[in-house]
Amino acid sequence: MTRVTKTEAEIDEIVDDLVKDADTANALKEKLHDKLEASVPEYPQAVPDAGGDDDADDMWDNMPV
């Protein structure tokens, strides 16, 4: 099941208001959705280090008292 965002719903509403032919409207909506999807940047996600508990102890070794 795909999730329809607010922007995609707005695109659908505008196209449905302007284009009377259903086939043309669906083709236009598909192209607009694809263009919108391609323009969304993907940001890298941080990955936690699998070093174990030693990393937490090392952090406190460098803290001034």
N, C-alpha and C. Protein backbone atom coordinates (compact mmCIF):
# COMPACT_ATOMS: atom_id res chain seq x y z
N MET A 1 0.84 -1.17 0.00
CA MET A 1 0.00 0.00 0.00
C MET A 1 0.89 1.24 0.00
N THR A 2 0.66 2.11 -0.94
CA THR A 2 1.47 3.32 -1.02
C THR A 2 0.81 4.43 -0.23
N ARG A 3 1.63 5.26 0.33
CA ARG A 3 1.15 6.37 1.14
C ARG A 3 1.08 7.61 0.26
N VAL A 4 -0.04 8.30 0.28
CA VAL A 4 -0.21 9.51 -0.52
C VAL A 4 0.06 10.70 0.37
N THR A 5 1.07 11.49 -0.01
CA THR A 5 1.41 12.67 0.77
C THR A 5 0.46 13.80 0.43
N LYS A 6 0.54 14.87 1.22
CA LYS A 6 -0.31 16.04 0.99
C LYS A 6 -0.02 16.64 -0.39
N THR A 7 1.25 16.70 -0.75
CA THR A 7 1.62 17.26 -2.05
C THR A 7 1.05 16.43 -3.19
N GLU A 8 1.13 15.11 -3.08
CA GLU A 8 0.59 14.25 -4.12
C GLU A 8 -0.92 14.39 -4.23
N ALA A 9 -1.59 14.54 -3.11
CA ALA A 9 -3.05 14.74 -3.12
C ALA A 9 -3.41 16.06 -3.77
N GLU A 10 -2.60 17.10 -3.51
CA GLU A 10 -2.84 18.40 -4.14
C GLU A 10 -2.63 18.33 -5.65
N ILE A 11 -1.60 17.60 -6.08
CA ILE A 11 -1.35 17.41 -7.51
C ILE A 11 -2.55 16.73 -8.15
N ASP A 12 -3.04 15.67 -7.53
CA ASP A 12 -4.19 14.94 -8.07
C ASP A 12 -5.41 15.84 -8.18
N GLU A 13 -5.65 16.65 -7.17
CA GLU A 13 -6.82 17.54 -7.18
C GLU A 13 -6.73 18.59 -8.28
N ILE A 14 -5.55 19.19 -8.44
CA ILE A 14 -5.36 20.21 -9.48
C ILE A 14 -5.52 19.61 -10.87
N VAL A 15 -4.90 18.47 -11.10
CA VAL A 15 -4.98 17.83 -12.42
C VAL A 15 -6.43 17.42 -12.71
N ASP A 16 -7.13 16.89 -11.72
CA ASP A 16 -8.52 16.50 -11.93
C ASP A 16 -9.40 17.71 -12.27
N ASP A 17 -9.09 18.87 -11.68
CA ASP A 17 -9.85 20.08 -11.97
C ASP A 17 -9.59 20.60 -13.39
N LEU A 18 -8.35 20.46 -13.86
CA LEU A 18 -7.97 21.06 -15.13
C LEU A 18 -8.14 20.14 -16.35
N VAL A 19 -7.97 18.85 -16.15
CA VAL A 19 -8.00 17.91 -17.28
C VAL A 19 -9.26 17.07 -17.20
N LYS A 20 -10.08 17.14 -18.24
CA LYS A 20 -11.36 16.41 -18.25
C LYS A 20 -11.22 14.96 -18.67
N ASP A 21 -10.26 14.66 -19.56
CA ASP A 21 -10.07 13.29 -20.02
C ASP A 21 -9.35 12.48 -18.94
N ALA A 22 -9.97 11.40 -18.48
CA ALA A 22 -9.42 10.62 -17.37
C ALA A 22 -8.08 9.98 -17.71
N ASP A 23 -7.92 9.47 -18.93
CA ASP A 23 -6.66 8.83 -19.32
C ASP A 23 -5.52 9.83 -19.33
N THR A 24 -5.79 11.01 -19.89
CA THR A 24 -4.77 12.06 -19.94
C THR A 24 -4.44 12.54 -18.52
N ALA A 25 -5.46 12.68 -17.69
CA ALA A 25 -5.25 13.13 -16.31
C ALA A 25 -4.39 12.13 -15.55
N ASN A 26 -4.67 10.85 -15.70
CA ASN A 26 -3.89 9.82 -15.00
C ASN A 26 -2.44 9.80 -15.48
N ALA A 27 -2.23 9.95 -16.78
CA ALA A 27 -0.87 9.97 -17.32
C ALA A 27 -0.11 11.19 -16.79
N LEU A 28 -0.77 12.34 -16.75
CA LEU A 28 -0.13 13.56 -16.25
C LEU A 28 0.20 13.42 -14.77
N LYS A 29 -0.73 12.89 -13.99
CA LYS A 29 -0.49 12.72 -12.55
C LYS A 29 0.69 11.78 -12.31
N GLU A 30 0.75 10.70 -13.08
CA GLU A 30 1.85 9.74 -12.93
C GLU A 30 3.20 10.41 -13.22
N LYS A 31 3.25 11.20 -14.28
CA LYS A 31 4.50 11.89 -14.62
C LYS A 31 4.89 12.90 -13.55
N LEU A 32 3.92 13.63 -13.04
CA LEU A 32 4.21 14.61 -12.00
C LEU A 32 4.68 13.93 -10.71
N HIS A 33 4.05 12.84 -10.35
CA HIS A 33 4.46 12.11 -9.15
C HIS A 33 5.88 11.56 -9.30
N ASP A 34 6.19 11.03 -10.50
CA ASP A 34 7.54 10.50 -10.74
C ASP A 34 8.58 11.61 -10.67
N LYS A 35 8.26 12.76 -11.24
CA LYS A 35 9.18 13.90 -11.22
C LYS A 35 9.40 14.38 -9.79
N LEU A 36 8.33 14.45 -9.00
CA LEU A 36 8.42 14.87 -7.62
C LEU A 36 9.24 13.87 -6.81
N GLU A 37 9.03 12.61 -7.04
CA GLU A 37 9.74 11.55 -6.32
C GLU A 37 11.23 11.58 -6.64
N ALA A 38 11.58 11.89 -7.89
CA ALA A 38 12.98 11.92 -8.30
C ALA A 38 13.71 13.13 -7.73
N SER A 39 12.97 14.20 -7.41
CA SER A 39 13.62 15.41 -6.93
C SER A 39 13.83 15.44 -5.43
N VAL A 40 13.32 14.45 -4.70
CA VAL A 40 13.49 14.41 -3.25
C VAL A 40 14.88 13.88 -2.94
N PRO A 41 15.71 14.67 -2.25
CA PRO A 41 17.06 14.20 -1.94
C PRO A 41 17.05 13.13 -0.85
N GLU A 42 17.98 12.22 -0.97
CA GLU A 42 18.12 11.20 0.06
C GLU A 42 19.29 11.59 0.95
N TYR A 43 19.03 11.68 2.24
CA TYR A 43 20.06 12.05 3.19
C TYR A 43 20.63 10.79 3.82
N PRO A 44 21.96 10.76 3.98
CA PRO A 44 22.55 9.58 4.60
C PRO A 44 22.12 9.45 6.06
N GLN A 45 21.93 8.24 6.49
CA GLN A 45 21.52 7.97 7.86
C GLN A 45 22.74 7.53 8.67
N ALA A 46 22.82 8.00 9.90
CA ALA A 46 23.90 7.59 10.78
C ALA A 46 23.71 6.13 11.19
N VAL A 47 24.80 5.41 11.22
CA VAL A 47 24.77 4.00 11.60
C VAL A 47 25.57 3.86 12.89
N PRO A 48 24.95 3.33 13.93
CA PRO A 48 25.69 3.17 15.18
C PRO A 48 26.83 2.18 15.03
N ASP A 49 27.92 2.47 15.71
CA ASP A 49 29.08 1.60 15.67
C ASP A 49 28.81 0.37 16.52
N ALA A 50 29.17 -0.78 16.01
CA ALA A 50 28.94 -2.03 16.74
C ALA A 50 30.16 -2.38 17.59
N GLY A 51 30.83 -1.37 18.14
CA GLY A 51 32.05 -1.58 18.92
C GLY A 51 31.82 -2.20 20.29
N GLY A 52 30.64 -2.08 20.81
CA GLY A 52 30.36 -2.67 22.12
C GLY A 52 30.36 -1.64 23.21
N ASP A 53 30.52 -2.10 24.46
CA ASP A 53 30.46 -1.23 25.63
C ASP A 53 31.72 -0.41 25.84
N ASP A 54 32.81 -0.77 25.20
CA ASP A 54 34.06 -0.05 25.38
C ASP A 54 33.94 1.40 24.93
N ASP A 55 33.13 1.67 23.93
CA ASP A 55 32.98 3.03 23.42
C ASP A 55 32.39 3.96 24.47
N ALA A 56 31.45 3.49 25.24
CA ALA A 56 30.83 4.32 26.28
C ALA A 56 31.85 4.65 27.36
N ASP A 57 32.70 3.71 27.72
CA ASP A 57 33.73 3.96 28.72
C ASP A 57 34.79 4.91 28.21
N ASP A 58 35.15 4.81 26.93
CA ASP A 58 36.16 5.69 26.35
C ASP A 58 35.73 7.14 26.37
N MET A 59 34.45 7.40 26.20
CA MET A 59 33.96 8.77 26.20
C MET A 59 34.25 9.42 27.55
N TRP A 60 34.03 8.70 28.63
CA TRP A 60 34.23 9.27 29.96
C TRP A 60 35.71 9.41 30.30
N ASP A 61 36.58 8.67 29.65
CA ASP A 61 38.02 8.80 29.90
C ASP A 61 38.54 10.17 29.45
N ASN A 62 37.90 10.78 28.48
CA ASN A 62 38.36 12.05 27.92
C ASN A 62 37.67 13.26 28.54
N MET A 63 36.80 13.08 29.53
CA MET A 63 36.09 14.18 30.14
C MET A 63 36.92 14.78 31.27
N PRO A 64 37.06 16.12 31.30
CA PRO A 64 37.82 16.74 32.41
C PRO A 64 37.02 16.64 33.72
N VAL A 65 37.72 16.52 34.79
CA VAL A 65 37.08 16.40 36.09
C VAL A 65 37.08 17.72 36.81
